[in-house]
Structures are given as C-alpha cells and as structure tokens.
C-alpha atoms as a PDB file:
ATOM      1  CA  MET A   1      -0.061  -0.199   0.002  1.00  0.00           C
ATOM      2  CA  LEU A   2       0.955   3.675  -0.797  1.00  0.00           C
ATOM      3  CA  TYR A   3       1.758   5.789   2.739  1.00  0.00           C
ATOM      4  CA  MET A   4       2.414   9.567   2.490  1.00  0.00           C
ATOM      5  CA  ILE A   5       4.962  10.915   5.233  1.00  0.00           C
ATOM      6  CA  CYS A   6       4.716  14.621   5.469  1.00  0.00           C
ATOM      7  CA  ALA A   7       7.093  16.389   7.923  1.00  0.00           C
ATOM      8  CA  THR A   8       7.431  20.084   9.122  1.00  0.00           C
ATOM      9  CA  ASP A   9      10.874  21.500   9.743  1.00  0.00           C
ATOM     10  CA  HIS A  10      12.107  23.513  12.897  1.00  0.00           C
ATOM     11  CA  ALA A  11      12.761  27.036  12.190  1.00  0.00           C
ATOM     12  CA  ASN A  12      16.094  27.574  11.425  1.00  0.00           C
ATOM     13  CA  SER A  13      17.156  24.141  10.461  1.00  0.00           C
ATOM     14  CA  LEU A  14      18.644  24.664   6.842  1.00  0.00           C
ATOM     15  CA  GLU A  15      22.269  24.134   8.221  1.00  0.00           C
ATOM     16  CA  ALA A  16      21.073  20.780   9.841  1.00  0.00           C
ATOM     17  CA  ARG A  17      19.370  19.854   6.954  1.00  0.00           C
ATOM     18  CA  LEU A  18      22.260  20.361   4.432  1.00  0.00           C
ATOM     19  CA  ALA A  19      24.282  18.314   6.513  1.00  0.00           C
ATOM     20  CA  ALA A  20      22.123  15.555   6.702  1.00  0.00           C
ATOM     21  CA  ARG A  21      20.972  15.693   3.100  1.00  0.00           C
ATOM     22  CA  PRO A  22      23.405  13.310   1.439  1.00  0.00           C
ATOM     23  CA  ASP A  23      22.288  10.357   3.988  1.00  0.00           C
ATOM     24  CA  HIS A  24      18.550  11.317   3.600  1.00  0.00           C
ATOM     25  CA  LEU A  25      19.035  11.209   0.050  1.00  0.00           C
ATOM     26  CA  ALA A  26      20.519   7.700  -0.189  1.00  0.00           C
ATOM     27  CA  ARG A  27      17.418   6.187   1.808  1.00  0.00           C
ATOM     28  CA  LEU A  28      15.177   7.881  -0.957  1.00  0.00           C
ATOM     29  CA  GLU A  29      17.441   5.987  -3.643  1.00  0.00           C
ATOM     30  CA  SER A  30      17.177   2.854  -1.734  1.00  0.00           C
ATOM     31  CA  LEU A  31      13.369   3.081  -2.119  1.00  0.00           C
ATOM     32  CA  LYS A  32      13.579   4.207  -6.134  1.00  0.00           C
ATOM     33  CA  ASP A  33      16.140   1.219  -6.503  1.00  0.00           C
ATOM     34  CA  ASP A  34      13.491  -0.897  -4.871  1.00  0.00           C
ATOM     35  CA  GLY A  35      10.393  -0.007  -7.149  1.00  0.00           C
ATOM     36  CA  ARG A  36       8.613   1.692  -4.049  1.00  0.00           C
ATOM     37  CA  LEU A  37       9.214   5.690  -4.174  1.00  0.00           C
ATOM     38  CA  ILE A  38       6.537   7.159  -5.980  1.00  0.00           C
ATOM     39  CA  MET A  39       7.555  11.073  -5.204  1.00  0.00           C
ATOM     40  CA  ALA A  40       9.585  13.027  -2.928  1.00  0.00           C
ATOM     41  CA  GLY A  41      10.838  16.579  -2.151  1.00  0.00           C
ATOM     42  CA  PRO A  42      11.088  19.398   0.065  1.00  0.00           C
ATOM     43  CA  PHE A  43       8.715  22.422   0.704  1.00  0.00           C
ATOM     44  CA  PRO A  44      10.649  25.644  -0.572  1.00  0.00           C
ATOM     45  CA  ALA A  45       9.601  28.346   2.351  1.00  0.00           C
ATOM     46  CA  ILE A  46       9.475  31.274  -0.476  1.00  0.00           C
ATOM     47  CA  ASP A  47       7.677  31.061  -3.858  1.00  0.00           C
ATOM     48  CA  SER A  48      10.832  29.367  -5.674  1.00  0.00           C
ATOM     49  CA  PRO A  49      12.354  26.302  -6.751  1.00  0.00           C
ATOM     50  CA  ASP A  50      15.682  27.580  -5.212  1.00  0.00           C
ATOM     51  CA  PRO A  51      14.890  29.239  -1.919  1.00  0.00           C
ATOM     52  CA  GLY A  52      18.636  30.062  -1.350  1.00  0.00           C
ATOM     53  CA  PRO A  53      18.732  30.869   2.429  1.00  0.00           C
ATOM     54  CA  ALA A  54      14.807  30.924   3.135  1.00  0.00           C
ATOM     55  CA  GLY A  55      15.368  27.318   3.233  1.00  0.00           C
ATOM     56  CA  PHE A  56      12.270  24.544   3.383  1.00  0.00           C
ATOM     57  CA  THR A  57       9.225  24.159   5.390  1.00  0.00           C
ATOM     58  CA  GLY A  58       9.109  20.560   5.330  1.00  0.00           C
ATOM     59  CA  SER A  59       9.082  17.810   3.019  1.00  0.00           C
ATOM     60  CA  LEU A  60       6.707  15.006   1.161  1.00  0.00           C
ATOM     61  CA  VAL A  61       7.626  11.334   0.294  1.00  0.00           C
ATOM     62  CA  VAL A  62       4.783   8.785  -0.852  1.00  0.00           C
ATOM     63  CA  ALA A  63       6.284   5.376  -0.944  1.00  0.00           C
ATOM     64  CA  LYS A  64       5.016   1.687  -0.816  1.00  0.00           C
ATOM     65  CA  PHE A  65       5.153  -0.160   2.165  1.00  0.00           C
ATOM     66  CA  ASP A  66       3.834  -3.381   4.051  1.00  0.00           C
ATOM     67  CA  SER A  67       2.158  -1.662   6.666  1.00  0.00           C
ATOM     68  CA  LEU A  68       1.521   1.848   8.329  1.00  0.00           C
ATOM     69  CA  ALA A  69       4.113   0.691  11.096  1.00  0.00           C
ATOM     70  CA  GLN A  70       6.300  -0.288   8.748  1.00  0.00           C
ATOM     71  CA  ALA A  71       5.944   3.125   6.931  1.00  0.00           C
ATOM     72  CA  GLN A  72       6.456   5.025  10.430  1.00  0.00           C
ATOM     73  CA  GLU A  73       9.791   3.053  11.107  1.00  0.00           C
ATOM     74  CA  TRP A  74      11.043   3.802   8.189  1.00  0.00           C
ATOM     75  CA  ALA A  75      10.155   7.763   8.887  1.00  0.00           C
ATOM     76  CA  ASP A  76      11.307   7.513  12.218  1.00  0.00           C
ATOM     77  CA  ALA A  77      14.906   6.384  10.943  1.00  0.00           C
ATOM     78  CA  ASP A  78      14.964   9.176   8.951  1.00  0.00           C
ATOM     79  CA  PRO A  79      18.598  10.725   8.996  1.00  0.00           C
ATOM     80  CA  TYR A  80      16.821  14.638   9.079  1.00  0.00           C
ATOM     81  CA  VAL A  81      15.010  13.157  12.166  1.00  0.00           C
ATOM     82  CA  GLY A  82      18.131  12.540  14.124  1.00  0.00           C
ATOM     83  CA  ALA A  83      19.841  15.885  12.980  1.00  0.00           C
ATOM     84  CA  GLY A  84      16.836  17.968  14.699  1.00  0.00           C
ATOM     85  CA  VAL A  85      15.233  19.385  11.019  1.00  0.00           C
ATOM     86  CA  TYR A  86      12.160  17.903  11.549  1.00  0.00           C
ATOM     87  CA  ALA A  87       9.709  19.155  14.450  1.00  0.00           C
ATOM     88  CA  GLN A  88       6.758  16.441  13.268  1.00  0.00           C
ATOM     89  CA  VAL A  89       6.126  13.929  11.179  1.00  0.00           C
ATOM     90  CA  VAL A  90       3.241  12.522   9.814  1.00  0.00           C
ATOM     91  CA  VAL A  91       2.452   9.129   8.450  1.00  0.00           C
ATOM     92  CA  LYS A  92      -0.735   8.305   6.828  1.00  0.00           C
ATOM     93  CA  PRO A  93      -1.996   5.498   4.233  1.00  0.00           C
ATOM     94  CA  TYR A  94      -2.381   7.110   0.981  1.00  0.00           C
ATOM     95  CA  LYS A  95      -4.594   6.374  -2.070  1.00  0.00           C
ATOM     96  CA  LYS A  96      -3.328   7.405  -5.534  1.00  0.00           C
ATOM     97  CA  VAL A  97      -6.487   8.483  -7.640  1.00  0.00           C
ATOM     98  CA  LEU A  98      -5.151  10.461 -10.608  1.00  0.00           C
ATOM     99  CA  PRO A  99      -3.214  10.639 -12.613  1.00  0.00           C
END
C-alpha cells in the first residue's frame, strides 16, 4: 500500500538539513531502486524552486510499504529526524487516484 510521509521542519534548520541531506537522499534512492518510491521532495519556504537561505519548511514522501507500522518505522529512522531538522512527522495511508 502507499503511505504519505509529511514532515514539518523546525525553524532555522537549513544548516542541519544540508548536513544530513546526503544520508537522507541515500535512503530515498534505496526506495527508488526497490521500485517503492512514488515521489519525494521538500517544501520551499518561499515561492521559488531554489529558496536559497530561506530554506525549506518540510518534506513530502509517498512510497510503498507493507504496513503503516513499517512506514512509520522508516520515517522515524530518517536522518533528518536524528539531525533535528523535523519538528513533526505525520504518516498516513495514501490512495493515489490521478493521474
């Protein structure tokens, strides 16, 4: 089943985000290589694809997991969690309708 992982960043966490980014991306690449990643990306803090020093306000991942518990476990182990980037992470089942 698909699950949505939506995270909200702590304020002023851009430096921590950039430091943890390689490990964060490696986990996403692993999901992609396994054919389980539907989409992933950050929320720019300003209306720009490259927000520069304004940074980001959070992230969204939609991926396949065997259960909600497995999706939650994966989200809890994200390097951004350990680095103190994320203030909150919400994991919910997701049903893709379109396209």
